[in-house]
Amino acid sequence: MIIRKAEYTASAVNRQQYPENSGPEIALAGRSNVGKSSLINKFINRKNLARTGNTPGKTQMLNFYHINDEWFFVDLPGYGYAKVSKDVHSRWGKMMEEYFSTRENLRAVIQVVDIRHKPSAEDQEMQAFLRTRGIPVLVAATKADKIARGQWPKYLKVIAESLNLPDWQMILPFSAESGNGLDDLHKAVEEILTVEEN
């Protein structure tokens, strides 16, 4: 996949604020500080389009990025950050529920997890929620550069078991630092976008 153009389009807290363009969308879901913004920036080969920060919980809205004037990445608020108030957690939950329930051009969700850690209860809930809704999910395990390649299967098996995936090889190891897994992610996204609607 060649990225010719990528631009931030909108931040939204409800459906009235979603972009009107009806291109297909791929959303990114994951815990705060798992590396969603870094994944987006590496994917589009831009350093700072998606805002990254050392403070987890920075993404508090749905951020829409228009790619090649054809489709969107939608960066969802990170979940599971303890220092965010219950009120904010509840708002994020409602925002995501509305998006998943009403957005017809959502094609798939990339669920981002950290390869080094067993998925959290929130990760498991998100996986189960998406499965119940019939939304296709691709699991990307970030920070793969922090672990020797030979050790990947051991960690990926833990993730697969925790998320009830039938095969750990369905998980895509990825590193925004080294670029490991970037080509595979490009191919996976391309496949998602070319699947014909039923």
C-alpha atoms as a PDB file:
ATOM      1  CA  MET A   1       0.000   0.000   0.000  1.00  0.00           C
ATOM      2  CA  ILE A   2       1.380   3.402  -0.993  1.00  0.00           C
ATOM      3  CA  ILE A   3       0.392   6.298   1.253  1.00  0.00           C
ATOM      4  CA  ARG A   4       0.211   9.381  -0.929  1.00  0.00           C
ATOM      5  CA  LYS A   5      -1.695  11.614   1.440  1.00  0.00           C
ATOM      6  CA  ALA A   6      -2.769  11.571   5.080  1.00  0.00           C
ATOM      7  CA  GLU A   7      -4.497  14.315   6.993  1.00  0.00           C
ATOM      8  CA  TYR A   8      -6.256  14.858  10.276  1.00  0.00           C
ATOM      9  CA  THR A   9      -9.912  15.579   9.501  1.00  0.00           C
ATOM     10  CA  ALA A  10     -11.949  15.819  12.697  1.00  0.00           C
ATOM     11  CA  SER A  11     -12.338  14.993  16.370  1.00  0.00           C
ATOM     12  CA  ALA A  12     -15.782  13.908  17.469  1.00  0.00           C
ATOM     13  CA  VAL A  13     -17.661  13.105  20.654  1.00  0.00           C
ATOM     14  CA  ASN A  14     -20.928  12.140  18.922  1.00  0.00           C
ATOM     15  CA  ARG A  15     -22.294  11.136  15.526  1.00  0.00           C
ATOM     16  CA  GLN A  16     -23.241  14.697  14.587  1.00  0.00           C
ATOM     17  CA  GLN A  17     -19.521  15.512  14.505  1.00  0.00           C
ATOM     18  CA  TYR A  18     -18.369  12.544  12.384  1.00  0.00           C
ATOM     19  CA  PRO A  19     -16.984  13.502   8.951  1.00  0.00           C
ATOM     20  CA  GLU A  20     -19.625  13.447   6.248  1.00  0.00           C
ATOM     21  CA  ASN A  21     -17.372  11.713   3.692  1.00  0.00           C
ATOM     22  CA  SER A  22     -18.643   8.184   3.410  1.00  0.00           C
ATOM     23  CA  GLY A  23     -15.332   6.411   2.784  1.00  0.00           C
ATOM     24  CA  PRO A  24     -14.617   3.138   4.587  1.00  0.00           C
ATOM     25  CA  GLU A  25     -13.217   3.369   8.105  1.00  0.00           C
ATOM     26  CA  ILE A  26     -10.859   1.233  10.167  1.00  0.00           C
ATOM     27  CA  ALA A  27     -10.922   2.007  13.881  1.00  0.00           C
ATOM     28  CA  LEU A  28      -8.084   1.469  16.351  1.00  0.00           C
ATOM     29  CA  ALA A  29      -8.963   0.330  19.866  1.00  0.00           C
ATOM     30  CA  GLY A  30      -6.639  -0.385  22.755  1.00  0.00           C
ATOM     31  CA  ARG A  31      -5.523   0.500  26.225  1.00  0.00           C
ATOM     32  CA  SER A  32      -4.085   3.922  26.910  1.00  0.00           C
ATOM     33  CA  ASN A  33      -0.360   4.079  26.166  1.00  0.00           C
ATOM     34  CA  VAL A  34      -0.368   0.881  24.072  1.00  0.00           C
ATOM     35  CA  GLY A  35       0.946   2.733  21.013  1.00  0.00           C
ATOM     36  CA  LYS A  36      -2.087   3.392  18.786  1.00  0.00           C
ATOM     37  CA  SER A  37      -0.906   6.848  17.702  1.00  0.00           C
ATOM     38  CA  SER A  38       2.630   5.561  17.054  1.00  0.00           C
ATOM     39  CA  LEU A  39       1.168   2.758  14.944  1.00  0.00           C
ATOM     40  CA  ILE A  40      -0.811   5.260  12.858  1.00  0.00           C
ATOM     41  CA  ASN A  41       2.225   7.511  12.376  1.00  0.00           C
ATOM     42  CA  LYS A  42       4.425   4.577  11.318  1.00  0.00           C
ATOM     43  CA  PHE A  43       1.714   3.227   9.006  1.00  0.00           C
ATOM     44  CA  ILE A  44       1.432   6.532   7.119  1.00  0.00           C
ATOM     45  CA  ASN A  45       5.161   7.342   7.415  1.00  0.00           C
ATOM     46  CA  ARG A  46       4.575  10.630   9.210  1.00  0.00           C
ATOM     47  CA  LYS A  47       6.127  11.545  12.544  1.00  0.00           C
ATOM     48  CA  ASN A  48       3.458  13.603  14.226  1.00  0.00           C
ATOM     49  CA  LEU A  49       0.112  13.361  12.457  1.00  0.00           C
ATOM     50  CA  ALA A  50      -1.447  11.364  15.284  1.00  0.00           C
ATOM     51  CA  ARG A  51      -0.568  13.025  18.561  1.00  0.00           C
ATOM     52  CA  THR A  52       1.510  10.840  20.850  1.00  0.00           C
ATOM     53  CA  GLY A  53       2.285  11.625  24.448  1.00  0.00           C
ATOM     54  CA  ASN A  54       3.746  10.247  27.640  1.00  0.00           C
ATOM     55  CA  THR A  55       0.448  10.876  29.388  1.00  0.00           C
ATOM     56  CA  PRO A  56      -1.937   7.965  28.940  1.00  0.00           C
ATOM     57  CA  GLY A  57      -5.539   8.929  28.293  1.00  0.00           C
ATOM     58  CA  LYS A  58      -4.572  11.775  25.970  1.00  0.00           C
ATOM     59  CA  THR A  59      -6.981  10.715  23.213  1.00  0.00           C
ATOM     60  CA  GLN A  60     -10.339  11.758  24.653  1.00  0.00           C
ATOM     61  CA  MET A  61     -12.315  11.936  21.427  1.00  0.00           C
ATOM     62  CA  LEU A  62     -12.651   9.920  18.242  1.00  0.00           C
ATOM     63  CA  ASN A  63      -9.953  11.262  15.929  1.00  0.00           C
ATOM     64  CA  PHE A  64     -10.475  10.809  12.178  1.00  0.00           C
ATOM     65  CA  TYR A  65      -7.521  10.664   9.763  1.00  0.00           C
ATOM     66  CA  HIS A  66      -8.253  10.674   6.020  1.00  0.00           C
ATOM     67  CA  ILE A  67      -5.854   8.472   4.057  1.00  0.00           C
ATOM     68  CA  ASN A  68      -5.264   8.898   0.289  1.00  0.00           C
ATOM     69  CA  ASP A  69      -8.603  10.774   0.083  1.00  0.00           C
ATOM     70  CA  GLU A  70     -10.177   7.303   0.133  1.00  0.00           C
ATOM     71  CA  TRP A  71     -10.573   5.902   3.649  1.00  0.00           C
ATOM     72  CA  PHE A  72     -10.210   6.786   7.326  1.00  0.00           C
ATOM     73  CA  PHE A  73      -8.296   5.618  10.353  1.00  0.00           C
ATOM     74  CA  VAL A  74     -10.371   6.362  13.455  1.00  0.00           C
ATOM     75  CA  ASP A  75      -8.333   6.541  16.669  1.00  0.00           C
ATOM     76  CA  LEU A  76     -10.633   5.685  19.591  1.00  0.00           C
ATOM     77  CA  PRO A  77     -10.039   6.848  23.173  1.00  0.00           C
ATOM     78  CA  GLY A  78      -7.733   4.508  25.060  1.00  0.00           C
ATOM     79  CA  TYR A  79      -9.394   2.443  27.756  1.00  0.00           C
ATOM     80  CA  GLY A  80      -8.234   1.139  31.109  1.00  0.00           C
ATOM     81  CA  TYR A  81      -6.371   4.212  32.369  1.00  0.00           C
ATOM     82  CA  ALA A  82      -6.850   4.325  36.140  1.00  0.00           C
ATOM     83  CA  LYS A  83      -6.164   8.045  36.665  1.00  0.00           C
ATOM     84  CA  VAL A  84      -9.086   9.101  34.490  1.00  0.00           C
ATOM     85  CA  SER A  85     -12.289   9.725  36.445  1.00  0.00           C
ATOM     86  CA  LYS A  86     -15.249   7.347  36.287  1.00  0.00           C
ATOM     87  CA  ASP A  87     -17.238  10.109  34.624  1.00  0.00           C
ATOM     88  CA  VAL A  88     -14.686  10.346  31.791  1.00  0.00           C
ATOM     89  CA  HIS A  89     -14.575   6.531  31.479  1.00  0.00           C
ATOM     90  CA  SER A  90     -18.349   6.481  31.191  1.00  0.00           C
ATOM     91  CA  ARG A  91     -18.269   9.216  28.514  1.00  0.00           C
ATOM     92  CA  TRP A  92     -15.653   7.307  26.498  1.00  0.00           C
ATOM     93  CA  GLY A  93     -17.757   4.143  26.718  1.00  0.00           C
ATOM     94  CA  LYS A  94     -20.847   5.931  25.423  1.00  0.00           C
ATOM     95  CA  MET A  95     -18.836   7.545  22.627  1.00  0.00           C
ATOM     96  CA  MET A  96     -17.500   4.202  21.437  1.00  0.00           C
ATOM     97  CA  GLU A  97     -20.853   2.452  21.843  1.00  0.00           C
ATOM     98  CA  GLU A  98     -22.503   5.108  19.651  1.00  0.00           C
ATOM     99  CA  TYR A  99     -19.749   4.857  17.045  1.00  0.00           C
ATOM    100  CA  PHE A 100     -19.872   1.037  16.831  1.00  0.00           C
ATOM    101  CA  SER A 101     -23.682   1.039  16.767  1.00  0.00           C
ATOM    102  CA  THR A 102     -24.280   3.727  14.160  1.00  0.00           C
ATOM    103  CA  ARG A 103     -21.277   3.967  11.844  1.00  0.00           C
ATOM    104  CA  GLU A 104     -22.201   1.982   8.749  1.00  0.00           C
ATOM    105  CA  ASN A 105     -18.894   2.542   6.946  1.00  0.00           C
ATOM    106  CA  LEU A 106     -16.840   0.898   9.723  1.00  0.00           C
ATOM    107  CA  ARG A 107     -15.098  -2.034   8.024  1.00  0.00           C
ATOM    108  CA  ALA A 108     -12.961  -3.445  10.847  1.00  0.00           C
ATOM    109  CA  VAL A 109     -11.215  -2.689  14.121  1.00  0.00           C
ATOM    110  CA  ILE A 110      -7.506  -3.064  14.741  1.00  0.00           C
ATOM    111  CA  GLN A 111      -7.268  -4.010  18.410  1.00  0.00           C
ATOM    112  CA  VAL A 112      -3.864  -2.915  19.664  1.00  0.00           C
ATOM    113  CA  VAL A 113      -2.252  -4.812  22.548  1.00  0.00           C
ATOM    114  CA  ASP A 114       1.255  -4.767  24.036  1.00  0.00           C
ATOM    115  CA  ILE A 115       3.097  -7.979  23.098  1.00  0.00           C
ATOM    116  CA  ARG A 116       4.861  -8.019  26.483  1.00  0.00           C
ATOM    117  CA  HIS A 117       1.723  -8.193  28.628  1.00  0.00           C
ATOM    118  CA  LYS A 118      -1.244 -10.488  28.974  1.00  0.00           C
ATOM    119  CA  PRO A 119      -4.344  -8.651  27.678  1.00  0.00           C
ATOM    120  CA  SER A 120      -6.329  -6.897  30.388  1.00  0.00           C
ATOM    121  CA  ALA A 121      -9.963  -7.443  31.329  1.00  0.00           C
ATOM    122  CA  GLU A 122     -10.787  -4.378  29.198  1.00  0.00           C
ATOM    123  CA  ASP A 123      -8.974  -5.933  26.215  1.00  0.00           C
ATOM    124  CA  GLN A 124     -10.988  -9.115  26.671  1.00  0.00           C
ATOM    125  CA  GLU A 125     -14.240  -7.156  26.978  1.00  0.00           C
ATOM    126  CA  MET A 126     -13.483  -5.183  23.806  1.00  0.00           C
ATOM    127  CA  GLN A 127     -12.707  -8.355  21.855  1.00  0.00           C
ATOM    128  CA  ALA A 128     -15.928 -10.009  23.074  1.00  0.00           C
ATOM    129  CA  PHE A 129     -17.977  -6.871  22.359  1.00  0.00           C
ATOM    130  CA  LEU A 130     -16.705  -6.594  18.776  1.00  0.00           C
ATOM    131  CA  ARG A 131     -17.229 -10.299  18.176  1.00  0.00           C
ATOM    132  CA  THR A 132     -20.813 -10.066  19.443  1.00  0.00           C
ATOM    133  CA  ARG A 133     -21.406  -7.166  17.062  1.00  0.00           C
ATOM    134  CA  GLY A 134     -19.948  -9.132  14.150  1.00  0.00           C
ATOM    135  CA  ILE A 135     -17.255  -6.487  13.554  1.00  0.00           C
ATOM    136  CA  PRO A 136     -14.057  -7.963  12.013  1.00  0.00           C
ATOM    137  CA  VAL A 137     -11.044  -7.563  14.323  1.00  0.00           C
ATOM    138  CA  LEU A 138      -7.332  -7.660  13.561  1.00  0.00           C
ATOM    139  CA  VAL A 139      -5.131  -7.909  16.671  1.00  0.00           C
ATOM    140  CA  ALA A 140      -1.811  -6.053  16.420  1.00  0.00           C
ATOM    141  CA  ALA A 141       0.760  -6.682  19.166  1.00  0.00           C
ATOM    142  CA  THR A 142       2.914  -3.566  19.449  1.00  0.00           C
ATOM    143  CA  LYS A 143       6.371  -3.019  20.964  1.00  0.00           C
ATOM    144  CA  ALA A 144       7.617  -6.230  19.339  1.00  0.00           C
ATOM    145  CA  ASP A 145      11.133  -4.736  19.227  1.00  0.00           C
ATOM    146  CA  LYS A 146      11.283  -5.064  23.039  1.00  0.00           C
ATOM    147  CA  ILE A 147      11.310  -8.878  22.791  1.00  0.00           C
ATOM    148  CA  ALA A 148      13.642 -11.184  20.855  1.00  0.00           C
ATOM    149  CA  ARG A 149      11.936 -12.472  17.696  1.00  0.00           C
ATOM    150  CA  GLY A 150      12.441 -16.082  18.803  1.00  0.00           C
ATOM    151  CA  GLN A 151      10.346 -15.349  21.900  1.00  0.00           C
ATOM    152  CA  TRP A 152       7.377 -13.890  19.984  1.00  0.00           C
ATOM    153  CA  PRO A 153       5.375 -17.153  19.723  1.00  0.00           C
ATOM    154  CA  LYS A 154       5.489 -17.620  23.507  1.00  0.00           C
ATOM    155  CA  TYR A 155       4.008 -14.156  24.116  1.00  0.00           C
ATOM    156  CA  LEU A 156       1.556 -14.324  21.198  1.00  0.00           C
ATOM    157  CA  LYS A 157       0.156 -17.612  22.498  1.00  0.00           C
ATOM    158  CA  VAL A 158      -0.661 -15.936  25.836  1.00  0.00           C
ATOM    159  CA  ILE A 159      -2.466 -13.122  23.993  1.00  0.00           C
ATOM    160  CA  ALA A 160      -4.383 -15.546  21.755  1.00  0.00           C
ATOM    161  CA  GLU A 161      -5.504 -17.635  24.707  1.00  0.00           C
ATOM    162  CA  SER A 162      -6.561 -14.585  26.688  1.00  0.00           C
ATOM    163  CA  LEU A 163      -8.601 -13.151  23.780  1.00  0.00           C
ATOM    164  CA  ASN A 164     -10.077 -16.536  22.786  1.00  0.00           C
ATOM    165  CA  LEU A 165      -8.417 -16.494  19.370  1.00  0.00           C
ATOM    166  CA  PRO A 166      -8.122 -19.916  17.697  1.00  0.00           C
ATOM    167  CA  ASP A 167      -4.553 -19.370  16.479  1.00  0.00           C
ATOM    168  CA  TRP A 168      -1.750 -17.128  17.767  1.00  0.00           C
ATOM    169  CA  GLN A 169      -0.522 -16.723  14.186  1.00  0.00           C
ATOM    170  CA  MET A 170      -3.607 -14.554  13.547  1.00  0.00           C
ATOM    171  CA  ILE A 171      -1.940 -11.860  15.675  1.00  0.00           C
ATOM    172  CA  LEU A 172       0.309  -9.384  13.900  1.00  0.00           C
ATOM    173  CA  PRO A 173       3.524  -8.489  15.786  1.00  0.00           C
ATOM    174  CA  PHE A 174       4.365  -4.836  15.165  1.00  0.00           C
ATOM    175  CA  SER A 175       6.992  -2.276  16.128  1.00  0.00           C
ATOM    176  CA  ALA A 176       6.689   1.437  15.454  1.00  0.00           C
ATOM    177  CA  GLU A 177      10.398   1.710  16.352  1.00  0.00           C
ATOM    178  CA  SER A 178      11.869  -0.867  13.967  1.00  0.00           C
ATOM    179  CA  GLY A 179       9.063  -1.023  11.396  1.00  0.00           C
ATOM    180  CA  ASN A 180       8.685  -4.754  12.014  1.00  0.00           C
ATOM    181  CA  GLY A 181       5.300  -5.935  10.771  1.00  0.00           C
ATOM    182  CA  LEU A 182       4.625  -2.757   8.767  1.00  0.00           C
ATOM    183  CA  ASP A 183       4.364  -4.518   5.406  1.00  0.00           C
ATOM    184  CA  ASP A 184       2.031  -7.135   6.876  1.00  0.00           C
ATOM    185  CA  LEU A 185      -0.152  -4.412   8.393  1.00  0.00           C
ATOM    186  CA  HIS A 186      -0.309  -2.579   5.048  1.00  0.00           C
ATOM    187  CA  LYS A 187      -1.392  -5.827   3.355  1.00  0.00           C
ATOM    188  CA  ALA A 188      -3.992  -6.586   6.030  1.00  0.00           C
ATOM    189  CA  VAL A 189      -5.517  -3.099   5.741  1.00  0.00           C
ATOM    190  CA  GLU A 190      -5.532  -3.362   1.957  1.00  0.00           C
ATOM    191  CA  GLU A 191      -7.414  -6.659   2.209  1.00  0.00           C
ATOM    192  CA  ILE A 192      -9.966  -5.161   4.608  1.00  0.00           C
ATOM    193  CA  LEU A 193     -10.576  -2.242   2.257  1.00  0.00           C
ATOM    194  CA  THR A 194     -10.970  -4.391  -0.841  1.00  0.00           C
ATOM    195  CA  VAL A 195     -13.489  -6.802   0.658  1.00  0.00           C
ATOM    196  CA  GLU A 196     -16.775  -6.212  -1.129  1.00  0.00           C
ATOM    197  CA  GLU A 197     -19.766  -5.369   1.003  1.00  0.00           C
ATOM    198  CA  ASN A 198     -22.369  -8.101   1.179  1.00  0.00           C
END
